[in-house]
PDB file of N, CA and C in Angstrom:
ATOM      1  N   MET A   1      67.507  16.525  11.909  1.00  0.00           N
ATOM      2  CA  MET A   1      67.164  15.124  11.785  1.00  0.00           C
ATOM      3  C   MET A   1      66.214  14.692  12.906  1.00  0.00           C
ATOM      4  N   LEU A   2      66.555  15.066  14.142  1.00  0.00           N
ATOM      5  CA  LEU A   2      65.717  14.707  15.274  1.00  0.00           C
ATOM      6  C   LEU A   2      64.332  15.332  15.151  1.00  0.00           C
ATOM      7  N   ASP A   3      64.263  16.586  14.692  1.00  0.00           N
ATOM      8  CA  ASP A   3      62.966  17.236  14.495  1.00  0.00           C
ATOM      9  C   ASP A   3      62.139  16.511  13.442  1.00  0.00           C
ATOM     10  N   GLN A   4      62.785  16.024  12.391  1.00  0.00           N
ATOM     11  CA  GLN A   4      62.074  15.284  11.346  1.00  0.00           C
ATOM     12  C   GLN A   4      61.501  13.986  11.907  1.00  0.00           C
ATOM     13  N   ILE A   5      62.261  13.291  12.734  1.00  0.00           N
ATOM     14  CA  ILE A   5      61.780  12.050  13.357  1.00  0.00           C
ATOM     15  C   ILE A   5      60.595  12.358  14.257  1.00  0.00           C
ATOM     16  N   ARG A   6      60.694  13.423  15.061  1.00  0.00           N
ATOM     17  CA  ARG A   6      59.583  13.801  15.940  1.00  0.00           C
ATOM     18  C   ARG A   6      58.336  14.139  15.132  1.00  0.00           C
ATOM     19  N   THR A   7      58.503  14.859  14.032  1.00  0.00           N
ATOM     20  CA  THR A   7      57.367  15.218  13.182  1.00  0.00           C
ATOM     21  C   THR A   7      56.714  13.975  12.606  1.00  0.00           C
ATOM     22  N   GLU A   8      57.515  13.038  12.126  1.00  0.00           N
ATOM     23  CA  GLU A   8      56.967  11.803  11.567  1.00  0.00           C
ATOM     24  C   GLU A   8      56.252  10.992  12.636  1.00  0.00           C
ATOM     25  N   GLN A   9      56.811  10.934  13.843  1.00  0.00           N
ATOM     26  CA  GLN A   9      56.183  10.191  14.922  1.00  0.00           C
ATOM     27  C   GLN A   9      54.876  10.839  15.351  1.00  0.00           C
ATOM     28  N   SER A  10      54.834  12.163  15.389  1.00  0.00           N
ATOM     29  CA  SER A  10      53.644  12.844  15.892  1.00  0.00           C
ATOM     30  C   SER A  10      52.544  12.970  14.844  1.00  0.00           C
ATOM     31  N   ARG A  11      52.838  12.633  13.604  1.00  0.00           N
ATOM     32  CA  ARG A  11      51.855  12.785  12.536  1.00  0.00           C
ATOM     33  C   ARG A  11      50.549  12.044  12.842  1.00  0.00           C
ATOM     34  N   ASN A  12      50.640  10.878  13.447  1.00  0.00           N
ATOM     35  CA  ASN A  12      49.459  10.060  13.707  1.00  0.00           C
ATOM     36  C   ASN A  12      49.128   9.954  15.191  1.00  0.00           C
ATOM     37  N   ARG A  13      49.812  10.733  16.014  1.00  0.00           N
ATOM     38  CA  ARG A  13      49.592  10.612  17.453  1.00  0.00           C
ATOM     39  C   ARG A  13      48.559  11.619  17.931  1.00  0.00           C
ATOM     40  N   ILE A  14      47.766  11.163  18.895  1.00  0.00           N
ATOM     41  CA  ILE A  14      46.750  12.019  19.496  1.00  0.00           C
ATOM     42  C   ILE A  14      46.927  12.021  21.006  1.00  0.00           C
ATOM     43  N   ILE A  15      46.389  13.054  21.628  1.00  0.00           N
ATOM     44  CA  ILE A  15      46.344  13.162  23.080  1.00  0.00           C
ATOM     45  C   ILE A  15      44.873  13.101  23.473  1.00  0.00           C
ATOM     46  N   VAL A  16      44.550  12.189  24.379  1.00  0.00           N
ATOM     47  CA  VAL A  16      43.182  12.062  24.889  1.00  0.00           C
ATOM     48  C   VAL A  16      43.217  12.439  26.364  1.00  0.00           C
ATOM     49  N   THR A  17      42.335  13.359  26.755  1.00  0.00           N
ATOM     50  CA  THR A  17      42.235  13.757  28.156  1.00  0.00           C
ATOM     51  C   THR A  17      40.835  13.447  28.672  1.00  0.00           C
ATOM     52  N   VAL A  18      40.790  13.013  29.923  1.00  0.00           N
ATOM     53  CA  VAL A  18      39.516  12.706  30.577  1.00  0.00           C
ATOM     54  C   VAL A  18      39.549  13.350  31.957  1.00  0.00           C
ATOM     55  N   ILE A  19      38.516  14.117  32.264  1.00  0.00           N
ATOM     56  CA  ILE A  19      38.426  14.781  33.567  1.00  0.00           C
ATOM     57  C   ILE A  19      36.987  14.689  34.055  1.00  0.00           C
ATOM     58  N   GLY A  20      36.828  14.363  35.331  1.00  0.00           N
ATOM     59  CA  GLY A  20      35.483  14.339  35.889  1.00  0.00           C
ATOM     60  C   GLY A  20      35.409  13.553  37.182  1.00  0.00           C
ATOM     61  N   GLN A  21      34.193  13.286  37.596  1.00  0.00           N
ATOM     62  CA  GLN A  21      33.927  12.513  38.800  1.00  0.00           C
ATOM     63  C   GLN A  21      34.400  11.077  38.584  1.00  0.00           C
ATOM     64  N   ASP A  22      35.126  10.532  39.555  1.00  0.00           N
ATOM     65  CA  ASP A  22      35.616   9.158  39.435  1.00  0.00           C
ATOM     66  C   ASP A  22      34.456   8.170  39.484  1.00  0.00           C
ATOM     67  N   ARG A  23      34.587   7.120  38.687  1.00  0.00           N
ATOM     68  CA  ARG A  23      33.625   6.016  38.712  1.00  0.00           C
ATOM     69  C   ARG A  23      34.277   4.803  38.078  1.00  0.00           C
ATOM     70  N   VAL A  24      33.720   3.666  38.318  1.00  0.00           N
ATOM     71  CA  VAL A  24      34.248   2.410  37.788  1.00  0.00           C
ATOM     72  C   VAL A  24      34.099   2.374  36.268  1.00  0.00           C
ATOM     73  N   GLY A  25      35.150   1.939  35.578  1.00  0.00           N
ATOM     74  CA  GLY A  25      35.058   1.651  34.152  1.00  0.00           C
ATOM     75  C   GLY A  25      35.492   2.733  33.190  1.00  0.00           C
ATOM     76  N   ILE A  26      35.956   3.874  33.679  1.00  0.00           N
ATOM     77  CA  ILE A  26      36.327   4.956  32.758  1.00  0.00           C
ATOM     78  C   ILE A  26      37.456   4.514  31.834  1.00  0.00           C
ATOM     79  N   ILE A  27      38.545   4.027  32.412  1.00  0.00           N
ATOM     80  CA  ILE A  27      39.687   3.610  31.591  1.00  0.00           C
ATOM     81  C   ILE A  27      39.284   2.471  30.660  1.00  0.00           C
ATOM     82  N   ALA A  28      38.529   1.530  31.170  1.00  0.00           N
ATOM     83  CA  ALA A  28      38.098   0.385  30.350  1.00  0.00           C
ATOM     84  C   ALA A  28      37.278   0.834  29.148  1.00  0.00           C
ATOM     85  N   ARG A  29      36.354   1.740  29.358  1.00  0.00           N
ATOM     86  CA  ARG A  29      35.483   2.171  28.263  1.00  0.00           C
ATOM     87  C   ARG A  29      36.238   2.996  27.226  1.00  0.00           C
ATOM     88  N   VAL A  30      37.114   3.893  27.678  1.00  0.00           N
ATOM     89  CA  VAL A  30      37.906   4.693  26.737  1.00  0.00           C
ATOM     90  C   VAL A  30      38.834   3.783  25.940  1.00  0.00           C
ATOM     91  N   SER A  31      39.537   2.890  26.621  1.00  0.00           N
ATOM     92  CA  SER A  31      40.479   2.012  25.917  1.00  0.00           C
ATOM     93  C   SER A  31      39.763   1.051  24.979  1.00  0.00           C
ATOM     94  N   THR A  32      38.535   0.668  25.289  1.00  0.00           N
ATOM     95  CA  THR A  32      37.765  -0.195  24.389  1.00  0.00           C
ATOM     96  C   THR A  32      37.464   0.520  23.077  1.00  0.00           C
ATOM     97  N   ILE A  33      37.046   1.778  23.151  1.00  0.00           N
ATOM     98  CA  ILE A  33      36.794   2.542  21.920  1.00  0.00           C
ATOM     99  C   ILE A  33      38.069   2.630  21.085  1.00  0.00           C
ATOM    100  N   LEU A  34      39.187   2.914  21.737  1.00  0.00           N
ATOM    101  CA  LEU A  34      40.450   3.009  21.005  1.00  0.00           C
ATOM    102  C   LEU A  34      40.817   1.664  20.376  1.00  0.00           C
ATOM    103  N   ALA A  35      40.742   0.597  21.133  1.00  0.00           N
ATOM    104  CA  ALA A  35      41.097  -0.732  20.614  1.00  0.00           C
ATOM    105  C   ALA A  35      40.175  -1.153  19.479  1.00  0.00           C
ATOM    106  N   ASP A  36      38.888  -0.893  19.618  1.00  0.00           N
ATOM    107  CA  ASP A  36      37.926  -1.255  18.567  1.00  0.00           C
ATOM    108  C   ASP A  36      38.227  -0.540  17.252  1.00  0.00           C
ATOM    109  N   ASN A  37      38.928   0.579  17.330  1.00  0.00           N
ATOM    110  CA  ASN A  37      39.277   1.357  16.137  1.00  0.00           C
ATOM    111  C   ASN A  37      40.756   1.230  15.766  1.00  0.00           C
ATOM    112  N   HIS A  38      41.412   0.201  16.291  1.00  0.00           N
ATOM    113  CA  HIS A  38      42.818  -0.106  15.975  1.00  0.00           C
ATOM    114  C   HIS A  38      43.750   1.054  16.313  1.00  0.00           C
ATOM    115  N   ILE A  39      43.478   1.679  17.443  1.00  0.00           N
ATOM    116  CA  ILE A  39      44.307   2.779  17.925  1.00  0.00           C
ATOM    117  C   ILE A  39      45.116   2.260  19.109  1.00  0.00           C
ATOM    118  N   ASN A  40      46.433   2.379  19.007  1.00  0.00           N
ATOM    119  CA  ASN A  40      47.334   1.835  20.010  1.00  0.00           C
ATOM    120  C   ASN A  40      47.647   2.877  21.084  1.00  0.00           C
ATOM    121  N   ILE A  41      47.463   2.509  22.343  1.00  0.00           N
ATOM    122  CA  ILE A  41      47.827   3.388  23.454  1.00  0.00           C
ATOM    123  C   ILE A  41      49.333   3.268  23.674  1.00  0.00           C
ATOM    124  N   LEU A  42      50.031   4.399  23.564  1.00  0.00           N
ATOM    125  CA  LEU A  42      51.485   4.422  23.727  1.00  0.00           C
ATOM    126  C   LEU A  42      51.897   4.731  25.158  1.00  0.00           C
ATOM    127  N   ASP A  43      51.131   5.586  25.811  1.00  0.00           N
ATOM    128  CA  ASP A  43      51.449   5.986  27.179  1.00  0.00           C
ATOM    129  C   ASP A  43      50.164   6.452  27.844  1.00  0.00           C
ATOM    130  N   ILE A  44      50.063   6.209  29.137  1.00  0.00           N
ATOM    131  CA  ILE A  44      48.859   6.608  29.861  1.00  0.00           C
ATOM    132  C   ILE A  44      49.238   7.007  31.284  1.00  0.00           C
ATOM    133  N   SER A  45      48.601   8.057  31.760  1.00  0.00           N
ATOM    134  CA  SER A  45      48.790   8.501  33.131  1.00  0.00           C
ATOM    135  C   SER A  45      47.423   8.885  33.673  1.00  0.00           C
ATOM    136  N   GLN A  46      47.130   8.414  34.861  1.00  0.00           N
ATOM    137  CA  GLN A  46      45.859   8.789  35.470  1.00  0.00           C
ATOM    138  C   GLN A  46      46.053   8.944  36.963  1.00  0.00           C
ATOM    139  N   THR A  47      45.220   9.781  37.527  1.00  0.00           N
ATOM    140  CA  THR A  47      45.266   9.991  38.964  1.00  0.00           C
ATOM    141  C   THR A  47      43.862  10.281  39.467  1.00  0.00           C
ATOM    142  N   ILE A  48      43.683  10.030  40.732  1.00  0.00           N
ATOM    143  CA  ILE A  48      42.419  10.369  41.383  1.00  0.00           C
ATOM    144  C   ILE A  48      42.760  11.302  42.536  1.00  0.00           C
ATOM    145  N   LEU A  49      42.204  12.498  42.488  1.00  0.00           N
ATOM    146  CA  LEU A  49      42.388  13.485  43.540  1.00  0.00           C
ATOM    147  C   LEU A  49      41.079  13.581  44.295  1.00  0.00           C
ATOM    148  N   GLN A  50      41.062  12.977  45.483  1.00  0.00           N
ATOM    149  CA  GLN A  50      39.841  12.788  46.243  1.00  0.00           C
ATOM    150  C   GLN A  50      38.850  12.052  45.349  1.00  0.00           C
ATOM    151  N   GLU A  51      37.737  12.642  44.972  1.00  0.00           N
ATOM    152  CA  GLU A  51      36.776  11.918  44.122  1.00  0.00           C
ATOM    153  C   GLU A  51      36.880  12.306  42.651  1.00  0.00           C
ATOM    154  N   PHE A  52      37.902  13.080  42.287  1.00  0.00           N
ATOM    155  CA  PHE A  52      38.040  13.542  40.905  1.00  0.00           C
ATOM    156  C   PHE A  52      39.056  12.710  40.137  1.00  0.00           C
ATOM    157  N   PHE A  53      38.673  12.346  38.920  1.00  0.00           N
ATOM    158  CA  PHE A  53      39.479  11.498  38.044  1.00  0.00           C
ATOM    159  C   PHE A  53      40.100  12.362  36.956  1.00  0.00           C
ATOM    160  N   ALA A  54      41.387  12.150  36.688  1.00  0.00           N
ATOM    161  CA  ALA A  54      42.065  12.848  35.591  1.00  0.00           C
ATOM    162  C   ALA A  54      42.968  11.849  34.870  1.00  0.00           C
ATOM    163  N   MET A  55      42.880  11.839  33.550  1.00  0.00           N
ATOM    164  CA  MET A  55      43.694  10.921  32.759  1.00  0.00           C
ATOM    165  C   MET A  55      44.167  11.626  31.496  1.00  0.00           C
ATOM    166  N   VAL A  56      45.406  11.350  31.128  1.00  0.00           N
ATOM    167  CA  VAL A  56      45.968  11.810  29.860  1.00  0.00           C
ATOM    168  C   VAL A  56      46.607  10.596  29.214  1.00  0.00           C
ATOM    169  N   LEU A  57      46.300  10.380  27.934  1.00  0.00           N
ATOM    170  CA  LEU A  57      46.964   9.284  27.237  1.00  0.00           C
ATOM    171  C   LEU A  57      47.420   9.736  25.862  1.00  0.00           C
ATOM    172  N   ILE A  58      48.480   9.108  25.404  1.00  0.00           N
ATOM    173  CA  ILE A  58      49.008   9.335  24.058  1.00  0.00           C
ATOM    174  C   ILE A  58      48.731   8.071  23.273  1.00  0.00           C
ATOM    175  N   ALA A  59      48.167   8.227  22.089  1.00  0.00           N
ATOM    176  CA  ALA A  59      47.802   7.069  21.276  1.00  0.00           C
ATOM    177  C   ALA A  59      48.236   7.277  19.832  1.00  0.00           C
ATOM    178  N   ASP A  60      48.439   6.165  19.145  1.00  0.00           N
ATOM    179  CA  ASP A  60      48.880   6.176  17.752  1.00  0.00           C
ATOM    180  C   ASP A  60      47.733   5.717  16.858  1.00  0.00           C
ATOM    181  N   MET A  61      47.329   6.578  15.925  1.00  0.00           N
ATOM    182  CA  MET A  61      46.218   6.271  15.018  1.00  0.00           C
ATOM    183  C   MET A  61      46.685   5.737  13.660  1.00  0.00           C
ATOM    184  N   GLU A  62      47.958   5.406  13.532  1.00  0.00           N
ATOM    185  CA  GLU A  62      48.519   5.017  12.238  1.00  0.00           C
ATOM    186  C   GLU A  62      47.756   3.873  11.572  1.00  0.00           C
ATOM    187  N   LYS A  63      47.318   2.889  12.339  1.00  0.00           N
ATOM    188  CA  LYS A  63      46.648   1.719  11.754  1.00  0.00           C
ATOM    189  C   LYS A  63      45.125   1.821  11.805  1.00  0.00           C
ATOM    190  N   SER A  64      44.629   2.985  12.165  1.00  0.00           N
ATOM    191  CA  SER A  64      43.189   3.181  12.284  1.00  0.00           C
ATOM    192  C   SER A  64      42.605   3.794  11.018  1.00  0.00           C
ATOM    193  N   ALA A  65      41.406   3.355  10.675  1.00  0.00           N
ATOM    194  CA  ALA A  65      40.705   3.906   9.512  1.00  0.00           C
ATOM    195  C   ALA A  65      39.787   5.064   9.903  1.00  0.00           C
ATOM    196  N   ILE A  66      39.546   5.240  11.192  1.00  0.00           N
ATOM    197  CA  ILE A  66      38.616   6.277  11.642  1.00  0.00           C
ATOM    198  C   ILE A  66      39.278   7.658  11.550  1.00  0.00           C
ATOM    199  N   GLU A  67      38.489   8.639  11.160  1.00  0.00           N
ATOM    200  CA  GLU A  67      38.956  10.030  11.142  1.00  0.00           C
ATOM    201  C   GLU A  67      38.947  10.567  12.574  1.00  0.00           C
ATOM    202  N   LEU A  68      39.845  11.487  12.858  1.00  0.00           N
ATOM    203  CA  LEU A  68      39.916  12.063  14.198  1.00  0.00           C
ATOM    204  C   LEU A  68      38.590  12.702  14.598  1.00  0.00           C
ATOM    205  N   SER A  69      37.911  13.353  13.679  1.00  0.00           N
ATOM    206  CA  SER A  69      36.624  13.992  13.996  1.00  0.00           C
ATOM    207  C   SER A  69      35.584  12.963  14.437  1.00  0.00           C
ATOM    208  N   ALA A  70      35.563  11.805  13.794  1.00  0.00           N
ATOM    209  CA  ALA A  70      34.620  10.745  14.174  1.00  0.00           C
ATOM    210  C   ALA A  70      34.991  10.157  15.532  1.00  0.00           C
ATOM    211  N   LEU A  71      36.281   9.997  15.785  1.00  0.00           N
ATOM    212  CA  LEU A  71      36.731   9.496  17.086  1.00  0.00           C
ATOM    213  C   LEU A  71      36.355  10.481  18.185  1.00  0.00           C
ATOM    214  N   LYS A  72      36.543  11.772  17.931  1.00  0.00           N
ATOM    215  CA  LYS A  72      36.168  12.793  18.910  1.00  0.00           C
ATOM    216  C   LYS A  72      34.691  12.683  19.267  1.00  0.00           C
ATOM    217  N   GLU A  73      33.857  12.462  18.258  1.00  0.00           N
ATOM    218  CA  GLU A  73      32.417  12.336  18.491  1.00  0.00           C
ATOM    219  C   GLU A  73      32.112  11.118  19.358  1.00  0.00           C
ATOM    220  N   LYS A  74      32.732   9.987  19.054  1.00  0.00           N
ATOM    221  CA  LYS A  74      32.514   8.774  19.862  1.00  0.00           C
ATOM    222  C   LYS A  74      32.944   8.995  21.307  1.00  0.00           C
ATOM    223  N   LEU A  75      34.105   9.611  21.487  1.00  0.00           N
ATOM    224  CA  LEU A  75      34.597   9.849  22.841  1.00  0.00           C
ATOM    225  C   LEU A  75      33.735  10.867  23.578  1.00  0.00           C
ATOM    226  N   SER A  76      33.246  11.867  22.879  1.00  0.00           N
ATOM    227  CA  SER A  76      32.365  12.855  23.490  1.00  0.00           C
ATOM    228  C   SER A  76      31.063  12.203  23.965  1.00  0.00           C
ATOM    229  N   GLN A  77      30.506  11.335  23.134  1.00  0.00           N
ATOM    230  CA  GLN A  77      29.288  10.613  23.519  1.00  0.00           C
ATOM    231  C   GLN A  77      29.543   9.736  24.738  1.00  0.00           C
ATOM    232  N   LEU A  78      30.691   9.062  24.752  1.00  0.00           N
ATOM    233  CA  LEU A  78      31.041   8.241  25.910  1.00  0.00           C
ATOM    234  C   LEU A  78      31.166   9.111  27.150  1.00  0.00           C
ATOM    235  N   GLY A  79      31.795  10.258  27.015  1.00  0.00           N
ATOM    236  CA  GLY A  79      31.926  11.167  28.141  1.00  0.00           C
ATOM    237  C   GLY A  79      30.581  11.575  28.715  1.00  0.00           C
ATOM    238  N   GLN A  80      29.612  11.817  27.841  1.00  0.00           N
ATOM    239  CA  GLN A  80      28.267  12.156  28.307  1.00  0.00           C
ATOM    240  C   GLN A  80      27.655  10.991  29.075  1.00  0.00           C
ATOM    241  N   GLU A  81      27.845   9.772  28.575  1.00  0.00           N
ATOM    242  CA  GLU A  81      27.330   8.585  29.271  1.00  0.00           C
ATOM    243  C   GLU A  81      27.955   8.430  30.657  1.00  0.00           C
ATOM    244  N   LEU A  82      29.263   8.691  30.738  1.00  0.00           N
ATOM    245  CA  LEU A  82      29.992   8.480  31.987  1.00  0.00           C
ATOM    246  C   LEU A  82      29.968   9.687  32.917  1.00  0.00           C
ATOM    247  N   GLY A  83      29.517  10.830  32.423  1.00  0.00           N
ATOM    248  CA  GLY A  83      29.504  12.040  33.234  1.00  0.00           C
ATOM    249  C   GLY A  83      30.883  12.666  33.398  1.00  0.00           C
ATOM    250  N   VAL A  84      31.739  12.482  32.391  1.00  0.00           N
ATOM    251  CA  VAL A  84      33.077  13.081  32.398  1.00  0.00           C
ATOM    252  C   VAL A  84      33.286  13.837  31.093  1.00  0.00           C
ATOM    253  N   LYS A  85      34.325  14.652  31.050  1.00  0.00           N
ATOM    254  CA  LYS A  85      34.660  15.365  29.816  1.00  0.00           C
ATOM    255  C   LYS A  85      35.833  14.649  29.162  1.00  0.00           C
ATOM    256  N   ILE A  86      35.643  14.225  27.909  1.00  0.00           N
ATOM    257  CA  ILE A  86      36.692  13.543  27.161  1.00  0.00           C
ATOM    258  C   ILE A  86      36.994  14.362  25.918  1.00  0.00           C
ATOM    259  N   GLU A  87      38.274  14.675  25.745  1.00  0.00           N
ATOM    260  CA  GLU A  87      38.707  15.411  24.562  1.00  0.00           C
ATOM    261  C   GLU A  87      39.852  14.665  23.900  1.00  0.00           C
ATOM    262  N   ALA A  88      39.907  14.743  22.578  1.00  0.00           N
ATOM    263  CA  ALA A  88      41.009  14.164  21.807  1.00  0.00           C
ATOM    264  C   ALA A  88      41.482  15.214  20.822  1.00  0.00           C
ATOM    265  N   GLN A  89      42.778  15.345  20.696  1.00  0.00           N
ATOM    266  CA  GLN A  89      43.330  16.284  19.728  1.00  0.00           C
ATOM    267  C   GLN A  89      44.667  15.766  19.218  1.00  0.00           C
ATOM    268  N   HIS A  90      44.989  16.205  18.031  1.00  0.00           N
ATOM    269  CA  HIS A  90      46.258  15.819  17.432  1.00  0.00           C
ATOM    270  C   HIS A  90      47.386  16.307  18.335  1.00  0.00           C
ATOM    271  N   GLU A  91      48.443  15.539  18.432  1.00  0.00           N
ATOM    272  CA  GLU A  91      49.555  15.888  19.318  1.00  0.00           C
ATOM    273  C   GLU A  91      50.125  17.275  19.015  1.00  0.00           C
ATOM    274  N   ASP A  92      50.246  17.635  17.759  1.00  0.00           N
ATOM    275  CA  ASP A  92      50.784  18.951  17.401  1.00  0.00           C
ATOM    276  C   ASP A  92      49.910  20.085  17.934  1.00  0.00           C
ATOM    277  N   VAL A  93      48.603  19.916  17.867  1.00  0.00           N
ATOM    278  CA  VAL A  93      47.674  20.923  18.390  1.00  0.00           C
ATOM    279  C   VAL A  93      47.822  21.022  19.905  1.00  0.00           C
ATOM    280  N   PHE A  94      47.896  19.873  20.567  1.00  0.00           N
ATOM    281  CA  PHE A  94      48.060  19.850  22.020  1.00  0.00           C
ATOM    282  C   PHE A  94      49.341  20.574  22.425  1.00  0.00           C
ATOM    283  N   ARG A  95      50.443  20.264  21.735  1.00  0.00           N
ATOM    284  CA  ARG A  95      51.730  20.906  22.052  1.00  0.00           C
ATOM    285  C   ARG A  95      51.646  22.426  21.849  1.00  0.00           C
ATOM    286  N   TYR A  96      51.017  22.849  20.766  1.00  0.00           N
ATOM    287  CA  TYR A  96      50.899  24.276  20.478  1.00  0.00           C
ATOM    288  C   TYR A  96      50.078  24.987  21.554  1.00  0.00           C
ATOM    289  N   MET A  97      48.985  24.371  21.967  1.00  0.00           N
ATOM    290  CA  MET A  97      48.093  24.992  22.945  1.00  0.00           C
ATOM    291  C   MET A  97      48.702  25.040  24.346  1.00  0.00           C
ATOM    292  N   HIS A  98      49.620  24.129  24.649  1.00  0.00           N
ATOM    293  CA  HIS A  98      50.154  24.028  26.009  1.00  0.00           C
ATOM    294  C   HIS A  98      51.625  24.409  26.113  1.00  0.00           C
ATOM    295  N   ARG A  99      52.105  25.169  25.149  1.00  0.00           N
ATOM    296  CA  ARG A  99      53.501  25.599  25.226  1.00  0.00           C
ATOM    297  C   ARG A  99      53.627  26.788  26.174  1.00  0.00           C
ATOM    298  N   ILE A 100      54.811  26.934  26.702  1.00  0.00           N
ATOM    299  CA  ILE A 100      55.074  28.041  27.642  1.00  0.00           C
ATOM    300  C   ILE A 100      56.041  29.003  26.991  1.00  0.00           C
TER     301      ILE A 100
END
């Protein structure tokens, strides 16, 4: 039962990661793209290690009409503008790739 609930919850969830040189506006710009596409941020963690910025967020795409591939493209373009690397992937893919 618990596994079924987790599967249903993760069906529309994505993991967005941002890594690169710190600068003003990274979180604002990423969250604006998500909000403009009706994607809800469920959890966010970010840190700055000296001048390096790292962020991981979990978001829910349930109410969004955008396809994940199109969102990835928008975030990739934003990353190029900001000089950081931004990746988005379905939660199941992220879990599979980072299991121990």
